[in-house]
Amino acid sequence: MKLISRIALFLFLISLGTIGAETKNKTDLKFKLIVKESDKKVDVLIDGKLFTSYRWPDNVMKPVLYPVMTSEGTEITRGYPINSRAGERVDHPHHVGIWFNYGDVNGLDFWNNSTAIPSEKKNGYGTIKHLNINHTEEGKGKALLVTTASWIDPSGKELLLEKTEFYFIARGSTRIIDRIATLTATNGTVSMKDNKEGLMAIRVARQLELPSKDEVIMTDAQGNPTTVKKMTNEGVSGSYRSSEGIKDDAVWSSRAKWMDLNGIIGNEKIAIVICDHPKNQSYPTYWHARGYGLFSANPLGWSIFTKGKETLNYSIPSGKSVIFRYRIVIHSGGDLTDTEINSLSEDFAGKY
């Protein structure tokens, strides 16, 4: 056999081995879901390591995924208010892990509700109560958790019943959460009036924020101001990039099919991507993504994002349902290219 032919064969065999190893790495990661009702959580383990926990603590006014880890075991979510860490921000106590809710549901603010709201103002806020773990499935490379929760007013009356399917997926150094939430109006028509506070969100660790520029005062739907202070930028490396090529602070109020937030924690390069779905309301969504660590997709808050030029006052008729679909990608080892993200986005669009 000629030398060139032998080299070509050798390289071909190496490529087969590499592909085989990559495939094995993608499919052999074993999921385990551990339900701990007394601790009000479900731990999601991959090869015995914590990926995330579905939690419904009494001091958080909705179910959340917290903490959320990379394949290397690095936490990408802010610790406060559950487990504060030195050097991180302590604003917006309602920003916990990964969550799903909204700022105006029948006139009630579900988004901003927290233990920081004084009792005399609680009548203006709603709460999402975890009800049941309906179903779990475990396997190699993927797992499924199905839950139900109730969106209730201050008197305890249910406005919406939420059924959520969490699909957890592991592919090498990439972790994926597909969240499919079905909201059903169970006691009359439910309005979700145009509001900037929503809908699918994550609050990231300090290192993944954009470098601080100035102190910012944020005001919620109830007129309550929150000061987001300027902080030291040491170790802060976050940068946004949208499917439309918009970057950093300019992504706020823009529309895009997906949004990428990349940065470094320690020596680990990390990318977090949220993908919208073509079947969602207002696709491609507006982004309520802020430099201080709030990373949120909001398909329902048109007015503030268009400076009053457009308004969407959404509603769910009595007895009817609406489905919101989102994919969150957590990748370790570097940023993802547009081609890679588009592939993940298209895969998501074709599944649900």
Protein backbone atom coordinates (compact mmCIF):
# COMPACT_ATOMS: atom_id res chain seq x y z
CA MET A 1 0.00 0.00 0.00
CA LYS A 2 1.35 3.39 -0.92
CA LEU A 3 2.35 5.73 1.93
CA ILE A 4 -0.29 8.32 1.02
CA SER A 5 -3.03 5.68 0.99
CA ARG A 6 -1.92 4.35 4.36
CA ILE A 7 -1.96 7.86 5.83
CA ALA A 8 -5.45 8.46 4.42
CA LEU A 9 -6.69 5.16 5.89
CA PHE A 10 -5.09 5.97 9.25
CA LEU A 11 -6.76 9.37 9.36
CA PHE A 12 -10.10 7.85 8.39
CA LEU A 13 -9.88 5.27 11.20
CA ILE A 14 -8.99 8.02 13.68
CA SER A 15 -12.02 10.00 12.57
CA LEU A 16 -14.24 6.97 13.11
CA GLY A 17 -12.81 6.54 16.58
CA THR A 18 -13.31 10.20 17.38
CA ILE A 19 -16.89 10.17 16.20
CA GLY A 20 -17.55 6.98 18.11
CA ALA A 21 -16.07 8.43 21.29
CA GLU A 22 -18.08 11.62 20.90
CA THR A 23 -21.29 9.65 20.39
CA LYS A 24 -20.60 7.51 23.43
CA ASN A 25 -19.90 10.63 25.46
CA LYS A 26 -23.21 12.11 24.38
CA THR A 27 -25.39 9.08 25.12
CA ASP A 28 -23.76 7.46 28.14
CA LEU A 29 -24.32 10.32 30.58
CA LYS A 30 -26.84 8.88 33.01
CA PHE A 31 -29.58 10.99 34.59
CA LYS A 32 -31.09 10.44 38.01
CA LEU A 33 -34.05 12.38 39.44
CA ILE A 34 -34.24 12.32 43.23
CA VAL A 35 -37.58 13.52 44.63
CA LYS A 36 -37.26 15.02 48.12
CA GLU A 37 -40.77 16.12 49.07
CA SER A 38 -39.77 16.99 52.65
CA ASP A 39 -37.05 19.32 51.30
CA LYS A 40 -39.42 20.67 48.63
CA LYS A 41 -37.15 19.85 45.74
CA VAL A 42 -36.21 17.39 43.03
CA ASP A 43 -32.48 17.00 42.39
CA VAL A 44 -31.41 16.40 38.79
CA LEU A 45 -28.14 14.44 38.72
CA ILE A 46 -25.96 13.59 35.73
CA ASP A 47 -23.52 10.76 36.42
CA GLY A 48 -24.02 11.45 40.12
CA LYS A 49 -23.25 15.19 39.84
CA LEU A 50 -25.85 17.88 40.49
CA PHE A 51 -27.03 19.64 37.36
CA THR A 52 -29.96 21.53 38.88
CA SER A 53 -32.82 21.22 41.37
CA TYR A 54 -36.50 21.95 40.84
CA ARG A 55 -37.45 23.74 44.07
CA TRP A 56 -40.51 25.26 45.71
CA PRO A 57 -39.27 26.84 48.98
CA ASP A 58 -41.73 28.72 51.17
CA ASN A 59 -39.70 31.96 50.92
CA VAL A 60 -39.73 32.05 47.10
CA MET A 61 -43.09 32.90 45.54
CA LYS A 62 -42.85 30.50 42.60
CA PRO A 63 -41.13 27.21 41.70
CA VAL A 64 -37.59 27.66 40.40
CA LEU A 65 -34.64 25.72 39.02
CA TYR A 66 -31.77 26.46 41.40
CA PRO A 67 -28.82 26.12 41.35
CA VAL A 68 -27.86 25.46 37.73
CA MET A 69 -24.42 23.98 37.01
CA THR A 70 -22.20 23.49 33.98
CA SER A 71 -20.82 20.06 33.04
CA GLU A 72 -17.71 21.01 35.05
CA GLY A 73 -19.76 21.70 38.18
CA THR A 74 -19.58 25.52 38.04
CA GLU A 75 -22.68 27.37 39.21
CA ILE A 76 -24.01 29.83 36.64
CA THR A 77 -26.89 31.18 38.75
CA ARG A 78 -26.69 33.96 41.33
CA GLY A 79 -26.73 32.66 44.91
CA TYR A 80 -28.82 35.43 46.52
CA PRO A 81 -31.37 35.22 48.10
CA ILE A 82 -31.15 31.45 48.78
CA ASN A 83 -27.39 31.08 49.24
CA SER A 84 -25.60 34.44 49.06
CA ARG A 85 -21.99 34.56 47.91
CA ALA A 86 -19.38 37.24 48.57
CA GLY A 87 -19.12 39.91 45.87
CA GLU A 88 -22.50 39.33 44.23
CA ARG A 89 -25.43 41.72 43.95
CA VAL A 90 -28.30 41.65 46.43
CA ASP A 91 -30.93 43.55 44.39
CA HIS A 92 -34.24 42.10 43.14
CA PRO A 93 -34.86 39.26 45.65
CA HIS A 94 -37.47 37.81 43.27
CA HIS A 95 -34.72 36.94 40.75
CA VAL A 96 -34.01 33.33 41.74
CA GLY A 97 -32.35 30.72 39.49
CA ILE A 98 -34.47 30.01 36.42
CA TRP A 99 -38.15 30.92 36.65
CA PHE A 100 -41.30 31.55 34.63
CA ASN A 101 -43.94 34.16 35.53
CA TYR A 102 -45.36 37.56 34.65
CA GLY A 103 -45.86 41.08 35.98
CA ASP A 104 -49.56 41.61 35.27
CA VAL A 105 -52.02 38.73 35.54
CA ASN A 106 -55.57 40.02 36.11
CA GLY A 107 -53.93 43.15 37.51
CA LEU A 108 -51.74 41.24 39.99
CA ASP A 109 -47.95 41.35 39.96
CA PHE A 110 -46.64 37.78 40.05
CA TRP A 111 -43.13 38.66 38.84
CA ASN A 112 -42.02 40.96 41.68
CA ASN A 113 -43.53 39.04 44.59
CA SER A 114 -41.04 38.12 47.33
CA THR A 115 -40.60 38.19 51.09
CA ALA A 116 -39.42 41.80 50.68
CA ILE A 117 -42.97 42.98 49.89
CA PRO A 118 -44.53 44.50 53.05
CA SER A 119 -47.75 42.87 54.27
CA GLU A 120 -49.83 46.00 53.63
CA LYS A 121 -48.98 45.76 49.90
CA LYS A 122 -49.41 41.99 49.45
CA ASN A 123 -52.90 42.40 47.98
CA GLY A 124 -51.32 43.61 44.76
CA TYR A 125 -49.28 40.44 44.22
CA GLY A 126 -49.90 36.88 43.07
CA THR A 127 -48.13 33.64 43.97
CA ILE A 128 -47.35 30.47 42.01
CA LYS A 129 -47.81 27.43 44.25
CA HIS A 130 -46.26 24.07 43.41
CA LEU A 131 -48.91 21.33 43.51
CA ASN A 132 -47.55 18.01 42.28
CA ILE A 133 -44.73 16.03 40.74
CA ASN A 134 -46.81 14.30 38.05
CA HIS A 135 -44.24 12.16 36.30
CA THR A 136 -40.51 11.42 36.09
CA GLU A 137 -38.41 9.55 33.55
CA GLU A 138 -34.69 8.81 33.77
CA GLY A 139 -32.31 7.58 31.15
CA LYS A 140 -29.04 7.95 29.31
CA GLY A 141 -28.53 11.43 27.96
CA LYS A 142 -31.97 12.70 28.94
CA ALA A 143 -34.64 12.90 31.64
CA LEU A 144 -38.18 14.22 32.02
CA LEU A 145 -39.86 15.94 34.96
CA VAL A 146 -43.56 16.89 34.74
CA THR A 147 -45.04 19.22 37.37
CA THR A 148 -48.21 21.18 38.08
CA ALA A 149 -48.51 24.54 39.81
CA SER A 150 -51.30 26.98 40.59
CA TRP A 151 -51.21 30.73 39.92
CA ILE A 152 -53.30 32.13 42.78
CA ASP A 153 -54.51 35.55 43.87
CA PRO A 154 -54.06 36.85 47.47
CA SER A 155 -57.31 35.13 48.55
CA GLY A 156 -56.07 31.77 47.28
CA LYS A 157 -58.29 31.68 44.18
CA GLU A 158 -56.66 29.95 41.23
CA LEU A 159 -56.35 32.01 38.06
CA LEU A 160 -54.12 29.68 36.04
CA LEU A 161 -53.20 26.04 36.27
CA GLU A 162 -49.68 25.45 34.97
CA LYS A 163 -48.48 22.08 33.72
CA THR A 164 -44.77 22.11 32.90
CA GLU A 165 -42.63 19.52 31.16
CA PHE A 166 -38.92 19.86 31.88
CA TYR A 167 -36.78 17.94 29.39
CA PHE A 168 -33.19 17.69 30.65
CA ILE A 169 -30.61 16.75 28.02
CA ALA A 170 -26.85 16.14 28.22
CA ARG A 171 -24.59 16.16 25.16
CA GLY A 172 -20.92 16.04 26.06
CA SER A 173 -20.08 19.38 27.71
CA THR A 174 -23.47 20.86 26.79
CA ARG A 175 -26.50 20.82 29.06
CA ILE A 176 -30.01 21.62 27.80
CA ILE A 177 -33.30 22.40 29.55
CA ASP A 178 -36.43 22.43 27.38
CA ARG A 179 -39.28 23.97 29.36
CA ILE A 180 -42.77 23.48 27.92
CA ALA A 181 -45.35 25.30 30.06
CA THR A 182 -49.11 24.97 29.47
CA LEU A 183 -51.24 27.63 31.17
CA THR A 184 -54.98 26.99 31.51
CA ALA A 185 -57.47 29.65 32.63
CA THR A 186 -59.49 27.72 35.22
CA ASN A 187 -61.73 30.42 36.73
CA GLY A 188 -62.71 32.84 34.01
CA THR A 189 -60.76 34.69 31.34
CA VAL A 190 -57.26 35.69 32.43
CA SER A 191 -55.69 38.91 31.17
CA MET A 192 -51.92 39.24 30.81
CA LYS A 193 -51.72 42.94 30.17
CA ASP A 194 -48.72 44.45 28.40
CA ASN A 195 -45.90 44.54 30.98
CA LYS A 196 -42.10 44.56 30.85
CA GLU A 197 -41.75 42.03 33.70
CA GLY A 198 -41.67 38.56 32.16
CA LEU A 199 -41.64 35.79 31.12
CA MET A 200 -38.88 33.13 30.92
CA ALA A 201 -35.84 34.23 32.91
CA ILE A 202 -32.55 33.39 34.55
CA ARG A 203 -30.47 35.48 36.98
CA VAL A 204 -26.81 34.72 36.36
CA ALA A 205 -23.71 34.71 38.53
CA ARG A 206 -21.78 37.97 38.94
CA GLN A 207 -18.97 36.85 36.61
CA LEU A 208 -21.42 36.51 33.71
CA GLU A 209 -22.82 40.02 34.07
CA LEU A 210 -21.70 42.77 31.71
CA PRO A 211 -19.10 45.09 33.28
CA SER A 212 -20.84 47.74 35.40
CA LYS A 213 -21.01 51.28 34.07
CA ASP A 214 -23.29 53.38 36.23
CA GLU A 215 -25.70 53.03 39.12
CA VAL A 216 -29.20 52.28 37.82
CA ILE A 217 -32.56 52.73 39.54
CA MET A 218 -35.17 50.24 38.32
CA THR A 219 -38.91 50.71 39.02
CA ASP A 220 -41.33 47.79 39.04
CA ALA A 221 -44.99 47.76 37.97
CA GLN A 222 -46.07 48.86 41.45
CA GLY A 223 -43.76 51.89 41.40
CA ASN A 224 -41.21 50.43 43.83
CA PRO A 225 -37.65 51.59 43.05
CA THR A 226 -34.63 49.27 43.26
CA THR A 227 -31.09 50.59 43.02
CA VAL A 228 -28.64 48.48 41.00
CA LYS A 229 -25.27 49.75 42.14
CA LYS A 230 -22.10 50.13 40.13
CA MET A 231 -19.60 47.51 41.29
CA THR A 232 -16.00 46.54 40.68
CA ASN A 233 -15.57 44.83 37.32
CA GLU A 234 -12.87 42.45 38.46
CA GLY A 235 -13.63 38.97 37.08
CA VAL A 236 -16.74 40.21 35.24
CA SER A 237 -16.74 39.14 31.60
CA GLY A 238 -20.30 38.74 30.27
CA SER A 239 -21.27 39.62 26.72
CA TYR A 240 -24.64 39.26 24.95
CA ARG A 241 -25.06 38.37 21.28
CA SER A 242 -28.40 37.88 19.52
CA SER A 243 -29.40 35.89 16.44
CA GLU A 244 -29.69 39.27 14.69
CA GLY A 245 -26.09 40.25 15.51
CA ILE A 246 -26.96 42.79 18.21
CA LYS A 247 -24.58 42.85 21.18
CA ASP A 248 -24.30 43.67 24.88
CA ASP A 249 -26.56 46.36 26.39
CA ALA A 250 -28.14 47.07 22.99
CA VAL A 251 -29.96 43.71 23.06
CA TRP A 252 -32.50 45.04 25.57
CA SER A 253 -35.86 45.63 23.82
CA SER A 254 -34.63 44.00 20.58
CA ARG A 255 -36.30 40.98 18.96
CA ALA A 256 -34.42 37.78 18.18
CA LYS A 257 -34.89 34.04 17.76
CA TRP A 258 -32.19 33.35 20.36
CA MET A 259 -29.86 35.17 22.70
CA ASP A 260 -26.37 34.10 23.77
CA LEU A 261 -24.65 35.22 26.97
CA ASN A 262 -21.02 34.18 27.24
CA GLY A 263 -18.31 34.79 29.80
CA ILE A 264 -15.71 33.21 32.06
CA ILE A 265 -15.96 31.91 35.62
CA GLY A 266 -12.52 31.05 36.96
CA ASN A 267 -10.81 29.42 33.99
CA GLU A 268 -14.00 28.04 32.49
CA LYS A 269 -15.45 29.61 29.36
CA ILE A 270 -19.24 29.39 29.49
CA ALA A 271 -22.09 30.12 27.08
CA ILE A 272 -25.77 30.36 28.05
CA VAL A 273 -28.35 30.51 25.27
CA ILE A 274 -32.12 30.97 25.47
CA CYS A 275 -34.01 29.92 22.34
CA ASP A 276 -37.50 31.11 21.47
CA HIS A 277 -39.89 28.77 19.63
CA PRO A 278 -41.75 29.54 16.36
CA LYS A 279 -45.08 28.50 17.95
CA ASN A 280 -44.72 30.99 20.82
CA GLN A 281 -46.70 34.22 20.93
CA SER A 282 -44.80 37.14 19.33
CA TYR A 283 -42.01 35.02 17.84
CA PRO A 284 -39.28 36.20 17.58
CA THR A 285 -39.56 37.44 21.16
CA TYR A 286 -38.53 40.73 22.71
CA TRP A 287 -35.61 40.45 25.15
CA HIS A 288 -35.70 41.86 28.67
CA ALA A 289 -31.97 41.17 29.04
CA ARG A 290 -29.99 43.45 31.34
CA GLY A 291 -26.28 43.92 31.94
CA TYR A 292 -26.63 43.37 35.69
CA GLY A 293 -27.48 39.67 35.22
CA LEU A 294 -31.19 39.44 34.39
CA PHE A 295 -31.52 37.36 31.20
CA SER A 296 -35.17 37.16 30.15
CA ALA A 297 -37.36 36.56 27.11
CA ASN A 298 -40.63 38.53 27.19
CA PRO A 299 -43.11 37.99 24.32
CA LEU A 300 -45.93 39.95 26.00
CA GLY A 301 -44.41 43.34 26.92
CA TRP A 302 -44.53 45.24 23.65
CA SER A 303 -45.24 48.76 24.91
CA ILE A 304 -42.03 49.46 26.83
CA PHE A 305 -39.86 47.76 24.20
CA THR A 306 -41.35 49.84 21.37
CA LYS A 307 -41.56 53.06 23.41
CA GLY A 308 -45.34 53.01 23.21
CA LYS A 309 -45.62 52.45 19.46
CA GLU A 310 -47.15 48.99 19.87
CA THR A 311 -49.19 47.35 22.62
CA LEU A 312 -50.17 43.75 23.29
CA ASN A 313 -52.82 43.02 25.89
CA TYR A 314 -52.86 39.25 25.85
CA SER A 315 -55.58 37.07 27.38
CA ILE A 316 -56.44 33.41 27.84
CA PRO A 317 -60.19 32.72 27.50
CA SER A 318 -61.91 30.81 30.32
CA GLY A 319 -61.23 27.09 30.05
CA LYS A 320 -58.66 27.55 27.27
CA SER A 321 -54.90 26.95 27.33
CA VAL A 322 -51.76 28.46 25.87
CA ILE A 323 -48.33 26.86 25.60
CA PHE A 324 -44.97 28.64 25.99
CA ARG A 325 -41.86 26.77 24.86
CA TYR A 326 -38.26 27.72 25.70
CA ARG A 327 -34.86 26.05 25.43
CA ILE A 328 -31.96 26.97 27.71
CA VAL A 329 -28.48 25.80 26.71
CA ILE A 330 -25.53 25.78 29.12
CA HIS A 331 -22.25 25.05 27.35
CA SER A 332 -18.82 24.64 28.92
CA GLY A 333 -15.52 25.12 27.10
CA GLY A 334 -16.05 28.23 25.01
CA ASP A 335 -18.64 30.25 23.14
CA LEU A 336 -20.95 28.63 20.61
CA THR A 337 -20.90 29.76 16.99
CA ASP A 338 -23.98 31.09 15.24
CA THR A 339 -24.08 27.87 13.21
CA GLU A 340 -24.03 25.73 16.36
CA ILE A 341 -26.73 27.80 18.05
CA ASN A 342 -28.90 27.82 14.94
CA SER A 343 -28.64 24.03 14.86
CA LEU A 344 -29.75 23.80 18.51
CA SER A 345 -32.56 26.28 17.83
CA GLU A 346 -33.79 24.41 14.76
CA ASP A 347 -33.67 21.11 16.65
CA PHE A 348 -35.81 22.67 19.39
CA ALA A 349 -38.27 24.14 16.87
CA GLY A 350 -38.81 20.73 15.31
CA LYS A 351 -39.48 18.85 18.55
CA TYR A 352 -42.46 20.52 20.21
